[in-house]
Amino acid sequence: MLDIYTIIFLALAVFIFVRLRSVLGQRTGRERPPYDPYSRDTARPPQQASDKVVPLPERPVTPPGAVAPEDETPPAYRWEGVAEKGSATAAALDEIARFEPDFDAKHFLVGARAAYEMIVTAFAAGDRRALKDLLAKDVYDGFVAAITDRESRHETMESRFVAIEQAELQDVTVRDRNAQLTVRFVSKLISVTRGADGAVVDGSPDTVADVTDVWTFARELGTRDPNWKLVATEAAQ
């Protein structure tokens, strides 16, 4: 015969079983399988986004064999419009820039045009002082000799530029620290030489002549004197 305590424990066990069944439910065979993170067929349960999560930009994918784009634009060719890339002239200009990093070939050509005009007009006027600062000694001596010979015949010369159409770098050489730059000038010039009586003995005051000259300028690199001097002249055909 059951005593009162046994009945109480049996009643308590039945009560607990009923409560667990109501909470956990029953298996019906239609339950969803547990999430498998390594299964392709199982979709990852959606997760609520957090306000504290900052999404990162996606990294672009570079196809195999392709070169990733550079962040910086490649520098422009330094001697563009002056010397062809890979040429001997470009290599010589690089050598000048090694001694003088601020060297600008285009700026040099602008100065060469100005010097060309100054020298031609100074020679015509017989201005020895102006020529002395622009010419190497042997070239200066040759110019002065021609001026003196003209003056001995009481002749006068007039030269006037209509235009300097071209000034292009033709050759560059660097030996030790001495650089020589040869420039080809193409210009239109009115030039006339008159005798003591004013009669024209050479040239024409009304005719524009096409003139092509090849001049070479030189200076020692790395010195305080920035001036290039004319060391050679040649009249091109």
C-alpha atoms as a PDB file:
ATOM      1  CA  MET A   1       0.000   0.000   0.000  1.00  0.00           C
ATOM      2  CA  LEU A   2       1.341   3.434  -1.005  1.00  0.00           C
ATOM      3  CA  ASP A   3       1.994   5.919   1.714  1.00  0.00           C
ATOM      4  CA  ILE A   4       1.226   9.596   1.479  1.00  0.00           C
ATOM      5  CA  TYR A   5       4.875  10.602   0.568  1.00  0.00           C
ATOM      6  CA  THR A   6       5.028   8.179  -2.375  1.00  0.00           C
ATOM      7  CA  ILE A   7       1.821   9.602  -3.785  1.00  0.00           C
ATOM      8  CA  ILE A   8       3.132  13.156  -3.455  1.00  0.00           C
ATOM      9  CA  PHE A   9       6.408  12.341  -5.338  1.00  0.00           C
ATOM     10  CA  LEU A  10       4.519  10.545  -8.128  1.00  0.00           C
ATOM     11  CA  ALA A  11       2.196  13.508  -8.541  1.00  0.00           C
ATOM     12  CA  LEU A  12       5.196  15.884  -8.650  1.00  0.00           C
ATOM     13  CA  ALA A  13       6.963  13.763 -11.335  1.00  0.00           C
ATOM     14  CA  VAL A  14       3.849  13.723 -13.540  1.00  0.00           C
ATOM     15  CA  PHE A  15       3.530  17.526 -13.185  1.00  0.00           C
ATOM     16  CA  ILE A  16       7.182  18.129 -14.185  1.00  0.00           C
ATOM     17  CA  PHE A  17       6.881  15.812 -17.239  1.00  0.00           C
ATOM     18  CA  VAL A  18       3.793  17.640 -18.478  1.00  0.00           C
ATOM     19  CA  ARG A  19       5.498  21.048 -18.092  1.00  0.00           C
ATOM     20  CA  LEU A  20       8.654  19.983 -19.975  1.00  0.00           C
ATOM     21  CA  ARG A  21       6.566  18.553 -22.801  1.00  0.00           C
ATOM     22  CA  SER A  22       4.666  21.804 -23.189  1.00  0.00           C
ATOM     23  CA  VAL A  23       7.878  23.859 -23.203  1.00  0.00           C
ATOM     24  CA  LEU A  24      10.083  21.709 -25.507  1.00  0.00           C
ATOM     25  CA  GLY A  25       7.337  20.484 -27.821  1.00  0.00           C
ATOM     26  CA  GLN A  26       7.333  17.253 -29.764  1.00  0.00           C
ATOM     27  CA  ARG A  27       9.367  16.095 -32.765  1.00  0.00           C
ATOM     28  CA  THR A  28       7.175  15.734 -35.841  1.00  0.00           C
ATOM     29  CA  GLY A  29       9.821  14.851 -38.483  1.00  0.00           C
ATOM     30  CA  ARG A  30       9.447  18.237 -40.192  1.00  0.00           C
ATOM     31  CA  GLU A  31      11.914  20.145 -38.041  1.00  0.00           C
ATOM     32  CA  ARG A  32      14.526  22.420 -39.792  1.00  0.00           C
ATOM     33  CA  PRO A  33      18.036  20.912 -39.555  1.00  0.00           C
ATOM     34  CA  PRO A  34      20.607  22.822 -37.507  1.00  0.00           C
ATOM     35  CA  TYR A  35      22.653  25.505 -39.366  1.00  0.00           C
ATOM     36  CA  ASP A  36      25.844  24.141 -40.985  1.00  0.00           C
ATOM     37  CA  PRO A  37      28.280  26.974 -41.823  1.00  0.00           C
ATOM     38  CA  TYR A  38      30.176  24.700 -44.263  1.00  0.00           C
ATOM     39  CA  SER A  39      27.164  23.560 -46.279  1.00  0.00           C
ATOM     40  CA  ARG A  40      26.501  25.287 -49.640  1.00  0.00           C
ATOM     41  CA  ASP A  41      22.824  24.423 -49.494  1.00  0.00           C
ATOM     42  CA  THR A  42      22.224  26.011 -46.133  1.00  0.00           C
ATOM     43  CA  ALA A  43      21.515  29.753 -46.134  1.00  0.00           C
ATOM     44  CA  ARG A  44      23.135  31.710 -43.343  1.00  0.00           C
ATOM     45  CA  PRO A  45      20.512  33.038 -40.933  1.00  0.00           C
ATOM     46  CA  PRO A  46      20.034  36.782 -41.423  1.00  0.00           C
ATOM     47  CA  GLN A  47      21.687  38.931 -38.790  1.00  0.00           C
ATOM     48  CA  GLN A  48      20.493  42.302 -37.662  1.00  0.00           C
ATOM     49  CA  ALA A  49      22.945  45.072 -38.565  1.00  0.00           C
ATOM     50  CA  SER A  50      24.474  47.008 -35.744  1.00  0.00           C
ATOM     51  CA  ASP A  51      24.752  50.783 -35.797  1.00  0.00           C
ATOM     52  CA  LYS A  52      28.358  50.419 -34.611  1.00  0.00           C
ATOM     53  CA  VAL A  53      29.509  48.378 -37.616  1.00  0.00           C
ATOM     54  CA  VAL A  54      31.093  50.440 -40.447  1.00  0.00           C
ATOM     55  CA  PRO A  55      31.059  48.578 -43.804  1.00  0.00           C
ATOM     56  CA  LEU A  56      34.449  48.636 -45.606  1.00  0.00           C
ATOM     57  CA  PRO A  57      34.671  49.325 -49.359  1.00  0.00           C
ATOM     58  CA  GLU A  58      35.196  46.248 -51.462  1.00  0.00           C
ATOM     59  CA  ARG A  59      38.738  45.755 -52.791  1.00  0.00           C
ATOM     60  CA  PRO A  60      38.772  45.656 -56.606  1.00  0.00           C
ATOM     61  CA  VAL A  61      39.738  42.290 -57.970  1.00  0.00           C
ATOM     62  CA  THR A  62      42.568  42.336 -60.541  1.00  0.00           C
ATOM     63  CA  PRO A  63      42.188  39.618 -63.193  1.00  0.00           C
ATOM     64  CA  PRO A  64      45.062  37.105 -63.437  1.00  0.00           C
ATOM     65  CA  GLY A  65      47.910  38.451 -65.570  1.00  0.00           C
ATOM     66  CA  ALA A  66      46.642  42.040 -65.437  1.00  0.00           C
ATOM     67  CA  VAL A  67      48.681  44.878 -63.963  1.00  0.00           C
ATOM     68  CA  ALA A  68      47.029  46.763 -61.122  1.00  0.00           C
ATOM     69  CA  PRO A  69      46.578  50.481 -61.907  1.00  0.00           C
ATOM     70  CA  GLU A  70      49.069  52.829 -60.300  1.00  0.00           C
ATOM     71  CA  ASP A  71      47.835  55.449 -57.870  1.00  0.00           C
ATOM     72  CA  GLU A  72      50.248  58.071 -59.231  1.00  0.00           C
ATOM     73  CA  THR A  73      50.438  59.425 -62.770  1.00  0.00           C
ATOM     74  CA  PRO A  74      53.831  58.663 -64.342  1.00  0.00           C
ATOM     75  CA  PRO A  75      56.004  61.771 -64.665  1.00  0.00           C
ATOM     76  CA  ALA A  76      56.171  63.524 -68.022  1.00  0.00           C
ATOM     77  CA  TYR A  77      59.274  63.135 -70.206  1.00  0.00           C
ATOM     78  CA  ARG A  78      61.622  65.936 -69.177  1.00  0.00           C
ATOM     79  CA  TRP A  79      63.019  66.783 -72.634  1.00  0.00           C
ATOM     80  CA  GLU A  80      59.686  66.635 -74.481  1.00  0.00           C
ATOM     81  CA  GLY A  81      59.801  68.844 -77.590  1.00  0.00           C
ATOM     82  CA  VAL A  82      63.592  69.246 -77.340  1.00  0.00           C
ATOM     83  CA  ALA A  83      65.159  65.793 -77.773  1.00  0.00           C
ATOM     84  CA  GLU A  84      63.788  62.373 -78.659  1.00  0.00           C
ATOM     85  CA  LYS A  85      63.527  59.911 -75.803  1.00  0.00           C
ATOM     86  CA  GLY A  86      66.460  57.497 -75.764  1.00  0.00           C
ATOM     87  CA  SER A  87      68.572  59.620 -78.120  1.00  0.00           C
ATOM     88  CA  ALA A  88      72.203  60.630 -77.584  1.00  0.00           C
ATOM     89  CA  THR A  89      71.041  64.239 -77.194  1.00  0.00           C
ATOM     90  CA  ALA A  90      68.645  63.245 -74.412  1.00  0.00           C
ATOM     91  CA  ALA A  91      71.421  61.313 -72.655  1.00  0.00           C
ATOM     92  CA  ALA A  92      73.711  64.364 -72.834  1.00  0.00           C
ATOM     93  CA  LEU A  93      70.948  66.580 -71.426  1.00  0.00           C
ATOM     94  CA  ASP A  94      70.555  64.092 -68.570  1.00  0.00           C
ATOM     95  CA  GLU A  95      74.274  64.485 -67.899  1.00  0.00           C
ATOM     96  CA  ILE A  96      73.885  68.266 -67.715  1.00  0.00           C
ATOM     97  CA  ALA A  97      70.968  67.832 -65.305  1.00  0.00           C
ATOM     98  CA  ARG A  98      73.152  65.596 -63.143  1.00  0.00           C
ATOM     99  CA  PHE A  99      75.463  68.558 -62.524  1.00  0.00           C
ATOM    100  CA  GLU A 100      72.690  71.150 -62.527  1.00  0.00           C
ATOM    101  CA  PRO A 101      69.279  69.665 -61.572  1.00  0.00           C
ATOM    102  CA  ASP A 102      67.453  72.922 -62.371  1.00  0.00           C
ATOM    103  CA  PHE A 103      68.644  73.008 -65.989  1.00  0.00           C
ATOM    104  CA  ASP A 104      65.760  73.678 -68.398  1.00  0.00           C
ATOM    105  CA  ALA A 105      66.481  72.989 -72.071  1.00  0.00           C
ATOM    106  CA  LYS A 106      63.474  74.981 -73.313  1.00  0.00           C
ATOM    107  CA  HIS A 107      64.538  77.968 -71.219  1.00  0.00           C
ATOM    108  CA  PHE A 108      68.032  77.632 -72.690  1.00  0.00           C
ATOM    109  CA  LEU A 109      66.620  77.811 -76.230  1.00  0.00           C
ATOM    110  CA  VAL A 110      64.676  80.951 -75.340  1.00  0.00           C
ATOM    111  CA  GLY A 111      67.926  82.516 -74.128  1.00  0.00           C
ATOM    112  CA  ALA A 112      69.775  81.296 -77.219  1.00  0.00           C
ATOM    113  CA  ARG A 113      67.254  83.055 -79.492  1.00  0.00           C
ATOM    114  CA  ALA A 114      67.753  86.296 -77.579  1.00  0.00           C
ATOM    115  CA  ALA A 115      71.554  85.930 -77.713  1.00  0.00           C
ATOM    116  CA  TYR A 116      71.432  85.194 -81.452  1.00  0.00           C
ATOM    117  CA  GLU A 117      69.527  88.407 -82.162  1.00  0.00           C
ATOM    118  CA  MET A 118      71.724  90.484 -79.842  1.00  0.00           C
ATOM    119  CA  ILE A 119      74.975  89.199 -81.378  1.00  0.00           C
ATOM    120  CA  VAL A 120      73.884  89.735 -84.986  1.00  0.00           C
ATOM    121  CA  THR A 121      72.674  93.285 -84.341  1.00  0.00           C
ATOM    122  CA  ALA A 122      75.727  94.129 -82.164  1.00  0.00           C
ATOM    123  CA  PHE A 123      78.074  92.906 -84.912  1.00  0.00           C
ATOM    124  CA  ALA A 124      76.284  95.054 -87.481  1.00  0.00           C
ATOM    125  CA  ALA A 125      76.521  98.087 -85.203  1.00  0.00           C
ATOM    126  CA  GLY A 126      80.161  97.399 -84.334  1.00  0.00           C
ATOM    127  CA  ASP A 127      79.318  97.232 -80.629  1.00  0.00           C
ATOM    128  CA  ARG A 128      82.406  95.502 -79.257  1.00  0.00           C
ATOM    129  CA  ARG A 129      81.358  95.944 -75.648  1.00  0.00           C
ATOM    130  CA  ALA A 130      78.084  94.054 -76.121  1.00  0.00           C
ATOM    131  CA  LEU A 131      79.844  91.268 -77.993  1.00  0.00           C
ATOM    132  CA  LYS A 132      82.551  90.749 -75.377  1.00  0.00           C
ATOM    133  CA  ASP A 133      80.127  89.367 -72.755  1.00  0.00           C
ATOM    134  CA  LEU A 134      78.460  86.994 -75.213  1.00  0.00           C
ATOM    135  CA  LEU A 135      81.387  85.476 -77.132  1.00  0.00           C
ATOM    136  CA  ALA A 136      84.291  83.207 -76.238  1.00  0.00           C
ATOM    137  CA  LYS A 137      87.663  84.928 -76.698  1.00  0.00           C
ATOM    138  CA  ASP A 138      88.634  83.389 -80.036  1.00  0.00           C
ATOM    139  CA  VAL A 139      85.179  84.053 -81.520  1.00  0.00           C
ATOM    140  CA  TYR A 140      85.244  87.583 -80.150  1.00  0.00           C
ATOM    141  CA  ASP A 141      88.636  88.187 -81.729  1.00  0.00           C
ATOM    142  CA  GLY A 142      87.284  87.036 -85.103  1.00  0.00           C
ATOM    143  CA  PHE A 143      84.218  89.294 -84.873  1.00  0.00           C
ATOM    144  CA  VAL A 144      86.324  92.294 -83.853  1.00  0.00           C
ATOM    145  CA  ALA A 145      88.713  91.681 -86.759  1.00  0.00           C
ATOM    146  CA  ALA A 146      85.784  91.735 -89.211  1.00  0.00           C
ATOM    147  CA  ILE A 147      84.398  94.926 -87.649  1.00  0.00           C
ATOM    148  CA  THR A 148      87.795  96.621 -87.796  1.00  0.00           C
ATOM    149  CA  ASP A 149      88.217  95.641 -91.464  1.00  0.00           C
ATOM    150  CA  ARG A 150      84.774  97.037 -92.305  1.00  0.00           C
ATOM    151  CA  GLU A 151      85.531 100.281 -90.484  1.00  0.00           C
ATOM    152  CA  SER A 152      88.829 100.624 -92.340  1.00  0.00           C
ATOM    153  CA  ARG A 153      86.816 100.810 -95.573  1.00  0.00           C
ATOM    154  CA  HIS A 154      84.448 103.341 -94.020  1.00  0.00           C
ATOM    155  CA  GLU A 155      81.545 100.991 -94.524  1.00  0.00           C
ATOM    156  CA  THR A 156      78.468 100.727 -92.319  1.00  0.00           C
ATOM    157  CA  MET A 157      76.165  97.751 -91.815  1.00  0.00           C
ATOM    158  CA  GLU A 158      72.530  97.512 -90.815  1.00  0.00           C
ATOM    159  CA  SER A 159      70.770  94.276 -89.807  1.00  0.00           C
ATOM    160  CA  ARG A 160      67.149  93.948 -88.749  1.00  0.00           C
ATOM    161  CA  PHE A 161      65.294  90.758 -87.854  1.00  0.00           C
ATOM    162  CA  VAL A 162      61.865  90.218 -89.333  1.00  0.00           C
ATOM    163  CA  ALA A 163      61.448  86.930 -87.475  1.00  0.00           C
ATOM    164  CA  ILE A 164      63.354  84.067 -85.904  1.00  0.00           C
ATOM    165  CA  GLU A 165      61.261  81.195 -87.160  1.00  0.00           C
ATOM    166  CA  GLN A 166      63.116  78.323 -85.556  1.00  0.00           C
ATOM    167  CA  ALA A 167      65.704  77.601 -82.887  1.00  0.00           C
ATOM    168  CA  GLU A 168      66.180  73.880 -82.380  1.00  0.00           C
ATOM    169  CA  LEU A 169      68.757  71.874 -80.492  1.00  0.00           C
ATOM    170  CA  GLN A 170      70.931  70.028 -82.981  1.00  0.00           C
ATOM    171  CA  ASP A 171      73.651  68.525 -80.811  1.00  0.00           C
ATOM    172  CA  VAL A 172      74.743  68.316 -77.170  1.00  0.00           C
ATOM    173  CA  THR A 173      78.084  67.160 -75.812  1.00  0.00           C
ATOM    174  CA  VAL A 174      79.394  66.987 -72.253  1.00  0.00           C
ATOM    175  CA  ARG A 175      83.056  66.349 -71.497  1.00  0.00           C
ATOM    176  CA  ASP A 176      84.005  66.380 -67.848  1.00  0.00           C
ATOM    177  CA  ARG A 177      82.124  69.468 -66.673  1.00  0.00           C
ATOM    178  CA  ASN A 178      82.170  71.320 -70.001  1.00  0.00           C
ATOM    179  CA  ALA A 179      78.906  71.349 -71.962  1.00  0.00           C
ATOM    180  CA  GLN A 180      78.415  72.444 -75.570  1.00  0.00           C
ATOM    181  CA  LEU A 181      74.965  72.914 -77.077  1.00  0.00           C
ATOM    182  CA  THR A 182      74.624  73.438 -80.813  1.00  0.00           C
ATOM    183  CA  VAL A 183      71.523  75.295 -82.021  1.00  0.00           C
ATOM    184  CA  ARG A 184      70.206  75.621 -85.546  1.00  0.00           C
ATOM    185  CA  PHE A 185      68.576  79.015 -86.218  1.00  0.00           C
ATOM    186  CA  VAL A 186      66.266  79.741 -89.132  1.00  0.00           C
ATOM    187  CA  SER A 187      65.412  83.416 -89.493  1.00  0.00           C
ATOM    188  CA  LYS A 188      64.257  86.132 -91.841  1.00  0.00           C
ATOM    189  CA  LEU A 189      66.682  89.051 -91.906  1.00  0.00           C
ATOM    190  CA  ILE A 190      67.080  92.350 -93.700  1.00  0.00           C
ATOM    191  CA  SER A 191      70.790  93.214 -93.967  1.00  0.00           C
ATOM    192  CA  VAL A 192      72.586  95.880 -95.963  1.00  0.00           C
ATOM    193  CA  THR A 193      76.155  97.225 -96.083  1.00  0.00           C
ATOM    194  CA  ARG A 194      76.798 100.717 -97.421  1.00  0.00           C
ATOM    195  CA  GLY A 195      80.002 102.396 -98.519  1.00  0.00           C
ATOM    196  CA  ALA A 196      81.300 105.758 -97.402  1.00  0.00           C
ATOM    197  CA  ASP A 197      79.084 107.471-100.006  1.00  0.00           C
ATOM    198  CA  GLY A 198      75.973 105.638 -98.816  1.00  0.00           C
ATOM    199  CA  ALA A 199      75.780 103.355-101.833  1.00  0.00           C
ATOM    200  CA  VAL A 200      74.813  99.735-101.222  1.00  0.00           C
ATOM    201  CA  VAL A 201      77.826  97.445-101.495  1.00  0.00           C
ATOM    202  CA  ASP A 202      76.196  94.274-100.111  1.00  0.00           C
ATOM    203  CA  GLY A 203      72.690  93.080 -99.275  1.00  0.00           C
ATOM    204  CA  SER A 204      69.483  95.056 -99.763  1.00  0.00           C
ATOM    205  CA  PRO A 205      67.463  97.417 -97.578  1.00  0.00           C
ATOM    206  CA  ASP A 206      64.241  96.081 -99.087  1.00  0.00           C
ATOM    207  CA  THR A 207      64.845  92.351 -99.407  1.00  0.00           C
ATOM    208  CA  VAL A 208      64.048  89.853 -96.673  1.00  0.00           C
ATOM    209  CA  ALA A 209      66.654  87.089 -96.763  1.00  0.00           C
ATOM    210  CA  ASP A 210      66.201  83.578 -95.391  1.00  0.00           C
ATOM    211  CA  VAL A 211      69.179  82.864 -93.149  1.00  0.00           C
ATOM    212  CA  THR A 212      70.174  79.594 -91.485  1.00  0.00           C
ATOM    213  CA  ASP A 213      72.960  79.600 -88.916  1.00  0.00           C
ATOM    214  CA  VAL A 214      74.361  76.828 -86.727  1.00  0.00           C
ATOM    215  CA  TRP A 215      75.868  78.216 -83.528  1.00  0.00           C
ATOM    216  CA  THR A 216      77.439  76.420 -80.582  1.00  0.00           C
ATOM    217  CA  PHE A 217      77.214  77.727 -77.017  1.00  0.00           C
ATOM    218  CA  ALA A 218      79.333  76.468 -74.134  1.00  0.00           C
ATOM    219  CA  ARG A 219      79.875  76.850 -70.400  1.00  0.00           C
ATOM    220  CA  GLU A 220      81.436  75.031 -67.467  1.00  0.00           C
ATOM    221  CA  LEU A 221      78.779  73.248 -65.414  1.00  0.00           C
ATOM    222  CA  GLY A 222      78.448  73.665 -61.678  1.00  0.00           C
ATOM    223  CA  THR A 223      79.997  77.143 -61.578  1.00  0.00           C
ATOM    224  CA  ARG A 224      78.523  80.394 -60.341  1.00  0.00           C
ATOM    225  CA  ASP A 225      78.628  81.968 -63.810  1.00  0.00           C
ATOM    226  CA  PRO A 226      75.294  81.071 -65.472  1.00  0.00           C
ATOM    227  CA  ASN A 227      76.142  82.620 -68.851  1.00  0.00           C
ATOM    228  CA  TRP A 228      76.579  80.547 -71.996  1.00  0.00           C
ATOM    229  CA  LYS A 229      79.043  81.938 -74.528  1.00  0.00           C
ATOM    230  CA  LEU A 230      79.191  81.513 -78.272  1.00  0.00           C
ATOM    231  CA  VAL A 231      82.188  79.318 -79.164  1.00  0.00           C
ATOM    232  CA  ALA A 232      81.563  78.484 -82.829  1.00  0.00           C
ATOM    233  CA  THR A 233      79.493  79.740 -85.784  1.00  0.00           C
ATOM    234  CA  GLU A 234      78.608  78.144 -89.073  1.00  0.00           C
ATOM    235  CA  ALA A 235      76.412  79.326 -91.918  1.00  0.00           C
ATOM    236  CA  ALA A 236      74.261  76.409 -93.046  1.00  0.00           C
ATOM    237  CA  GLN A 237      73.185  75.989 -96.640  1.00  0.00           C
END
